[in-house]
Amino acid sequence: MNYARKRIAEIKEDRRKAISRDVSVPKCAAILTALAHPTRLLMMVYLLEGDATVADLLANVGGSRSGLSQHLKEMREIGLIDSRSEGTWRIYFCNSNEARIIVRWLEKLADQGKILQNSFIS
C-alpha cells in the first residue's frame, strides 16, 4: 500500500511539472477566461489558422463590426493577439504561445468526442 501512495504522489508531481513547464497557471486562467466567450474562442481559432482583417473575421465569425472590435480590444489587452498595419488595413494575428497550446488542446478534446459540438453555445 505504501508503494501505491508513493507512486500516486509521483504521478501527481509529474503532471504538475508538465503543466507548469508549458503554461503558467495564472496566465492559463486569464486565457481561459478570455476564451470563455464563444465569439472570442472562434476568433482565436481563425487567427491560429492565419492572419486576418476585421472583414475576414466578420465573414467567418459574424456579429457586428463594433462588437468584434470590442472582442479584439479585450484579446489584445491581455496579449492574446496583436496587429500590424498594411496600407489602410489592420491585420490581426495570434501573439500568444500559451493560447495556441490551450486551443490545440481543446481541439484534441473535441476530436476525441470529449467536447460536444455546440454543447456550450446556445
N, C-alpha and C. Protein backbone atom coordinates (compact mmCIF):
# COMPACT_ATOMS: atom_id res chain seq x y z
N MET A 1 0.82 -1.19 0.00
CA MET A 1 0.00 0.00 0.00
C MET A 1 0.86 1.26 0.00
N ASN A 2 1.97 1.21 0.71
CA ASN A 2 2.86 2.35 0.77
C ASN A 2 3.42 2.68 -0.61
N TYR A 3 3.74 1.66 -1.40
CA TYR A 3 4.26 1.87 -2.75
C TYR A 3 3.22 2.58 -3.61
N ALA A 4 1.96 2.18 -3.51
CA ALA A 4 0.89 2.78 -4.31
C ALA A 4 0.74 4.26 -3.99
N ARG A 5 0.76 4.61 -2.73
CA ARG A 5 0.65 6.03 -2.34
C ARG A 5 1.83 6.84 -2.87
N LYS A 6 3.01 6.25 -2.76
CA LYS A 6 4.21 6.94 -3.25
C LYS A 6 4.13 7.14 -4.76
N ARG A 7 3.69 6.12 -5.47
CA ARG A 7 3.57 6.21 -6.94
C ARG A 7 2.53 7.23 -7.35
N ILE A 8 1.40 7.29 -6.67
CA ILE A 8 0.36 8.29 -6.95
C ILE A 8 0.91 9.69 -6.74
N ALA A 9 1.67 9.89 -5.67
CA ALA A 9 2.27 11.21 -5.41
C ALA A 9 3.24 11.58 -6.52
N GLU A 10 4.03 10.61 -7.01
CA GLU A 10 4.96 10.87 -8.11
C GLU A 10 4.22 11.26 -9.38
N ILE A 11 3.14 10.57 -9.68
CA ILE A 11 2.34 10.88 -10.88
C ILE A 11 1.76 12.28 -10.78
N LYS A 12 1.21 12.63 -9.63
CA LYS A 12 0.65 13.98 -9.44
C LYS A 12 1.73 15.04 -9.64
N GLU A 13 2.92 14.80 -9.09
CA GLU A 13 4.01 15.76 -9.23
C GLU A 13 4.44 15.89 -10.70
N ASP A 14 4.50 14.76 -11.42
CA ASP A 14 4.85 14.81 -12.84
C ASP A 14 3.84 15.62 -13.63
N ARG A 15 2.57 15.48 -13.31
CA ARG A 15 1.52 16.26 -14.00
C ARG A 15 1.68 17.74 -13.72
N ARG A 16 1.94 18.08 -12.45
CA ARG A 16 2.13 19.50 -12.10
C ARG A 16 3.31 20.08 -12.86
N LYS A 17 4.39 19.34 -12.95
CA LYS A 17 5.58 19.83 -13.67
C LYS A 17 5.28 19.99 -15.16
N ALA A 18 4.54 19.05 -15.73
CA ALA A 18 4.22 19.13 -17.16
C ALA A 18 3.37 20.35 -17.46
N ILE A 19 2.40 20.64 -16.60
CA ILE A 19 1.54 21.80 -16.81
C ILE A 19 2.35 23.09 -16.65
N SER A 20 3.12 23.19 -15.58
CA SER A 20 3.84 24.43 -15.33
C SER A 20 4.98 24.65 -16.32
N ARG A 21 5.46 23.59 -16.96
CA ARG A 21 6.54 23.73 -17.93
C ARG A 21 6.07 24.49 -19.17
N ASP A 22 4.85 24.22 -19.62
CA ASP A 22 4.36 24.82 -20.86
C ASP A 22 3.56 26.10 -20.64
N VAL A 23 2.77 26.15 -19.59
CA VAL A 23 1.87 27.28 -19.38
C VAL A 23 1.82 27.59 -17.89
N SER A 24 2.03 28.85 -17.52
CA SER A 24 1.88 29.20 -16.11
C SER A 24 0.40 29.21 -15.77
N VAL A 25 0.08 28.80 -14.56
CA VAL A 25 -1.32 28.67 -14.16
C VAL A 25 -2.07 30.01 -14.20
N PRO A 26 -1.53 31.10 -13.65
CA PRO A 26 -2.27 32.37 -13.74
C PRO A 26 -2.50 32.82 -15.19
N LYS A 27 -1.49 32.66 -16.03
CA LYS A 27 -1.63 33.04 -17.44
C LYS A 27 -2.67 32.16 -18.11
N CYS A 28 -2.65 30.88 -17.80
CA CYS A 28 -3.63 29.94 -18.35
C CYS A 28 -5.04 30.35 -17.93
N ALA A 29 -5.23 30.70 -16.67
CA ALA A 29 -6.55 31.11 -16.19
C ALA A 29 -7.04 32.36 -16.90
N ALA A 30 -6.15 33.32 -17.13
CA ALA A 30 -6.53 34.55 -17.84
C ALA A 30 -6.94 34.24 -19.28
N ILE A 31 -6.20 33.34 -19.92
CA ILE A 31 -6.52 32.98 -21.30
C ILE A 31 -7.85 32.25 -21.37
N LEU A 32 -8.05 31.30 -20.47
CA LEU A 32 -9.32 30.57 -20.45
C LEU A 32 -10.51 31.49 -20.18
N THR A 33 -10.31 32.48 -19.32
CA THR A 33 -11.37 33.45 -19.05
C THR A 33 -11.68 34.24 -20.32
N ALA A 34 -10.65 34.67 -21.01
CA ALA A 34 -10.86 35.44 -22.25
C ALA A 34 -11.52 34.59 -23.32
N LEU A 35 -11.13 33.33 -23.41
CA LEU A 35 -11.67 32.45 -24.45
C LEU A 35 -12.99 31.80 -24.05
N ALA A 36 -13.49 32.12 -22.86
CA ALA A 36 -14.76 31.55 -22.41
C ALA A 36 -15.94 32.06 -23.24
N HIS A 37 -15.77 33.21 -23.87
CA HIS A 37 -16.83 33.74 -24.73
C HIS A 37 -16.75 33.05 -26.10
N PRO A 38 -17.86 32.48 -26.58
CA PRO A 38 -17.82 31.74 -27.85
C PRO A 38 -17.25 32.53 -29.03
N THR A 39 -17.56 33.81 -29.11
CA THR A 39 -17.07 34.62 -30.23
C THR A 39 -15.56 34.75 -30.17
N ARG A 40 -15.02 35.02 -28.97
CA ARG A 40 -13.56 35.16 -28.84
C ARG A 40 -12.86 33.84 -29.12
N LEU A 41 -13.44 32.73 -28.68
CA LEU A 41 -12.83 31.43 -28.95
C LEU A 41 -12.81 31.15 -30.45
N LEU A 42 -13.90 31.43 -31.12
CA LEU A 42 -13.96 31.22 -32.56
C LEU A 42 -12.98 32.14 -33.30
N MET A 43 -12.88 33.39 -32.85
CA MET A 43 -11.91 34.31 -33.45
C MET A 43 -10.49 33.78 -33.29
N MET A 44 -10.19 33.25 -32.11
CA MET A 44 -8.84 32.74 -31.88
C MET A 44 -8.56 31.53 -32.76
N VAL A 45 -9.54 30.67 -32.95
CA VAL A 45 -9.34 29.52 -33.84
C VAL A 45 -9.00 30.01 -35.25
N TYR A 46 -9.72 31.01 -35.75
CA TYR A 46 -9.43 31.54 -37.09
C TYR A 46 -8.07 32.23 -37.14
N LEU A 47 -7.70 32.94 -36.07
CA LEU A 47 -6.41 33.62 -36.06
C LEU A 47 -5.25 32.63 -35.95
N LEU A 48 -5.48 31.46 -35.38
CA LEU A 48 -4.44 30.44 -35.34
C LEU A 48 -4.22 29.82 -36.71
N GLU A 49 -5.24 29.87 -37.56
CA GLU A 49 -5.10 29.37 -38.92
C GLU A 49 -4.33 30.34 -39.81
N GLY A 50 -4.34 31.62 -39.45
CA GLY A 50 -3.61 32.61 -40.22
C GLY A 50 -4.04 34.01 -39.85
N ASP A 51 -3.28 34.98 -40.30
CA ASP A 51 -3.59 36.38 -40.04
C ASP A 51 -4.91 36.75 -40.70
N ALA A 52 -5.61 37.74 -40.11
CA ALA A 52 -6.92 38.12 -40.64
C ALA A 52 -7.21 39.59 -40.39
N THR A 53 -8.01 40.16 -41.28
CA THR A 53 -8.51 41.52 -41.10
C THR A 53 -9.84 41.43 -40.36
N VAL A 54 -10.36 42.57 -39.95
CA VAL A 54 -11.68 42.60 -39.31
C VAL A 54 -12.73 42.07 -40.29
N ALA A 55 -12.61 42.42 -41.55
CA ALA A 55 -13.57 41.95 -42.55
C ALA A 55 -13.52 40.42 -42.66
N ASP A 56 -12.32 39.84 -42.63
CA ASP A 56 -12.20 38.37 -42.66
C ASP A 56 -12.88 37.75 -41.45
N LEU A 57 -12.62 38.31 -40.28
CA LEU A 57 -13.22 37.77 -39.06
C LEU A 57 -14.74 37.92 -39.07
N LEU A 58 -15.23 39.07 -39.56
CA LEU A 58 -16.68 39.27 -39.65
C LEU A 58 -17.32 38.22 -40.56
N ALA A 59 -16.67 37.92 -41.66
CA ALA A 59 -17.21 36.94 -42.60
C ALA A 59 -17.26 35.54 -41.99
N ASN A 60 -16.28 35.22 -41.15
CA ASN A 60 -16.21 33.88 -40.57
C ASN A 60 -16.92 33.74 -39.23
N VAL A 61 -16.92 34.79 -38.44
CA VAL A 61 -17.46 34.72 -37.09
C VAL A 61 -18.88 35.31 -37.01
N GLY A 62 -19.11 36.37 -37.80
CA GLY A 62 -20.41 37.04 -37.75
C GLY A 62 -20.43 38.10 -36.67
N GLY A 63 -21.60 38.61 -36.39
CA GLY A 63 -21.74 39.68 -35.40
C GLY A 63 -21.61 41.04 -36.04
N SER A 64 -21.49 42.04 -35.19
CA SER A 64 -21.36 43.42 -35.67
C SER A 64 -19.89 43.85 -35.64
N ARG A 65 -19.59 44.84 -36.45
CA ARG A 65 -18.22 45.36 -36.50
C ARG A 65 -17.80 45.92 -35.13
N SER A 66 -18.72 46.64 -34.47
CA SER A 66 -18.37 47.23 -33.17
C SER A 66 -18.19 46.14 -32.11
N GLY A 67 -19.03 45.12 -32.14
CA GLY A 67 -18.88 44.01 -31.19
C GLY A 67 -17.57 43.28 -31.39
N LEU A 68 -17.24 43.04 -32.64
CA LEU A 68 -15.99 42.36 -32.96
C LEU A 68 -14.79 43.21 -32.51
N SER A 69 -14.89 44.51 -32.71
CA SER A 69 -13.81 45.41 -32.28
C SER A 69 -13.61 45.36 -30.77
N GLN A 70 -14.70 45.25 -30.02
CA GLN A 70 -14.59 45.14 -28.55
C GLN A 70 -13.88 43.85 -28.16
N HIS A 71 -14.25 42.76 -28.81
CA HIS A 71 -13.59 41.48 -28.53
C HIS A 71 -12.10 41.55 -28.88
N LEU A 72 -11.77 42.14 -30.02
CA LEU A 72 -10.37 42.28 -30.42
C LEU A 72 -9.60 43.11 -29.39
N LYS A 73 -10.22 44.16 -28.91
CA LYS A 73 -9.57 45.02 -27.91
C LYS A 73 -9.27 44.23 -26.64
N GLU A 74 -10.24 43.46 -26.16
CA GLU A 74 -10.04 42.67 -24.95
C GLU A 74 -8.92 41.64 -25.15
N MET A 75 -8.93 40.98 -26.30
CA MET A 75 -7.92 39.96 -26.57
C MET A 75 -6.53 40.58 -26.71
N ARG A 76 -6.48 41.78 -27.26
CA ARG A 76 -5.20 42.46 -27.42
C ARG A 76 -4.66 42.94 -26.09
N GLU A 77 -5.54 43.42 -25.20
CA GLU A 77 -5.12 43.94 -23.90
C GLU A 77 -4.45 42.88 -23.03
N ILE A 78 -4.87 41.63 -23.15
CA ILE A 78 -4.24 40.59 -22.32
C ILE A 78 -3.12 39.86 -23.07
N GLY A 79 -2.85 40.28 -24.30
CA GLY A 79 -1.71 39.75 -25.03
C GLY A 79 -1.97 38.50 -25.86
N LEU A 80 -3.24 38.19 -26.11
CA LEU A 80 -3.54 37.02 -26.94
C LEU A 80 -3.26 37.29 -28.40
N ILE A 81 -3.54 38.50 -28.83
CA ILE A 81 -3.36 38.87 -30.23
C ILE A 81 -2.61 40.19 -30.33
N ASP A 82 -2.16 40.49 -31.53
CA ASP A 82 -1.56 41.78 -31.83
C ASP A 82 -1.95 42.11 -33.26
N SER A 83 -1.56 43.27 -33.72
CA SER A 83 -1.91 43.67 -35.09
C SER A 83 -0.78 44.46 -35.70
N ARG A 84 -0.86 44.56 -37.03
CA ARG A 84 0.09 45.38 -37.78
C ARG A 84 -0.70 46.07 -38.89
N SER A 85 -0.17 47.18 -39.35
CA SER A 85 -0.82 47.91 -40.43
C SER A 85 -0.19 47.54 -41.75
N GLU A 86 -1.03 47.35 -42.74
CA GLU A 86 -0.58 47.15 -44.12
C GLU A 86 -1.44 48.06 -44.98
N GLY A 87 -0.89 49.21 -45.31
CA GLY A 87 -1.68 50.22 -46.04
C GLY A 87 -2.80 50.72 -45.14
N THR A 88 -4.03 50.60 -45.63
CA THR A 88 -5.18 51.03 -44.84
C THR A 88 -5.77 49.88 -44.02
N TRP A 89 -5.20 48.69 -44.16
CA TRP A 89 -5.71 47.51 -43.46
C TRP A 89 -4.99 47.30 -42.13
N ARG A 90 -5.72 46.81 -41.16
CA ARG A 90 -5.13 46.35 -39.90
C ARG A 90 -5.25 44.84 -39.91
N ILE A 91 -4.11 44.16 -39.79
CA ILE A 91 -4.04 42.71 -39.84
C ILE A 91 -3.81 42.18 -38.42
N TYR A 92 -4.69 41.28 -37.98
CA TYR A 92 -4.59 40.71 -36.64
C TYR A 92 -3.97 39.32 -36.70
N PHE A 93 -3.23 38.95 -35.65
CA PHE A 93 -2.60 37.65 -35.58
C PHE A 93 -2.46 37.21 -34.13
N CYS A 94 -2.36 35.90 -33.92
CA CYS A 94 -2.17 35.34 -32.58
C CYS A 94 -0.77 35.67 -32.11
N ASN A 95 -0.68 36.16 -30.88
CA ASN A 95 0.59 36.60 -30.32
C ASN A 95 0.95 35.79 -29.07
N SER A 96 0.21 34.73 -28.78
CA SER A 96 0.38 34.02 -27.52
C SER A 96 0.60 32.53 -27.75
N ASN A 97 1.79 32.07 -27.39
CA ASN A 97 2.07 30.65 -27.49
C ASN A 97 1.19 29.85 -26.54
N GLU A 98 0.90 30.42 -25.36
CA GLU A 98 0.04 29.75 -24.40
C GLU A 98 -1.37 29.55 -24.97
N ALA A 99 -1.89 30.56 -25.66
CA ALA A 99 -3.21 30.43 -26.27
C ALA A 99 -3.20 29.34 -27.34
N ARG A 100 -2.13 29.26 -28.09
CA ARG A 100 -2.01 28.20 -29.11
C ARG A 100 -2.10 26.82 -28.45
N ILE A 101 -1.37 26.64 -27.37
CA ILE A 101 -1.36 25.36 -26.66
C ILE A 101 -2.76 25.03 -26.16
N ILE A 102 -3.43 26.00 -25.55
CA ILE A 102 -4.75 25.75 -24.98
C ILE A 102 -5.78 25.44 -26.07
N VAL A 103 -5.78 26.21 -27.14
CA VAL A 103 -6.75 25.98 -28.22
C VAL A 103 -6.50 24.63 -28.89
N ARG A 104 -5.24 24.29 -29.12
CA ARG A 104 -4.93 22.98 -29.71
C ARG A 104 -5.39 21.84 -28.79
N TRP A 105 -5.23 22.04 -27.49
CA TRP A 105 -5.68 21.06 -26.51
C TRP A 105 -7.20 20.91 -26.59
N LEU A 106 -7.92 22.03 -26.68
CA LEU A 106 -9.38 21.98 -26.81
C LEU A 106 -9.79 21.29 -28.11
N GLU A 107 -9.04 21.54 -29.19
CA GLU A 107 -9.34 20.88 -30.47
C GLU A 107 -9.15 19.36 -30.35
N LYS A 108 -8.11 18.93 -29.63
CA LYS A 108 -7.90 17.50 -29.44
C LYS A 108 -9.06 16.88 -28.66
N LEU A 109 -9.52 17.57 -27.63
CA LEU A 109 -10.66 17.07 -26.86
C LEU A 109 -11.90 16.96 -27.75
N ALA A 110 -12.11 17.96 -28.59
CA ALA A 110 -13.27 17.93 -29.50
C ALA A 110 -13.13 16.79 -30.49
N ASP A 111 -11.93 16.58 -31.02
CA ASP A 111 -11.70 15.48 -31.97
C ASP A 111 -11.95 14.12 -31.34
N GLN A 112 -11.68 14.01 -30.05
CA GLN A 112 -11.89 12.75 -29.33
C GLN A 112 -13.33 12.58 -28.88
N GLY A 113 -14.18 13.57 -29.17
CA GLY A 113 -15.59 13.49 -28.77
C GLY A 113 -15.83 13.82 -27.32
N LYS A 114 -14.84 14.39 -26.64
CA LYS A 114 -15.00 14.74 -25.23
C LYS A 114 -15.65 16.10 -25.05
N ILE A 115 -15.72 16.87 -26.12
CA ILE A 115 -16.46 18.13 -26.12
C ILE A 115 -17.47 18.02 -27.24
N LEU A 116 -18.73 18.13 -26.90
CA LEU A 116 -19.77 18.02 -27.90
C LEU A 116 -19.91 19.34 -28.65
N GLN A 117 -20.05 19.27 -29.95
CA GLN A 117 -20.21 20.46 -30.76
C GLN A 117 -21.47 21.19 -30.31
N ASN A 118 -21.35 22.49 -30.13
CA ASN A 118 -22.44 23.38 -29.72
C ASN A 118 -23.00 23.05 -28.35
N SER A 119 -22.28 22.30 -27.50
CA SER A 119 -22.81 21.96 -26.20
C SER A 119 -22.80 23.13 -25.24
N PHE A 120 -21.92 24.12 -25.49
CA PHE A 120 -21.82 25.26 -24.59
C PHE A 120 -22.36 26.54 -25.23
N ILE A 121 -22.70 26.47 -26.48
CA ILE A 121 -23.18 27.66 -27.20
C ILE A 121 -24.68 27.54 -27.39
N SER A 122 -25.41 28.54 -26.96
CA SER A 122 -26.86 28.47 -27.12
C SER A 122 -27.28 28.94 -28.49
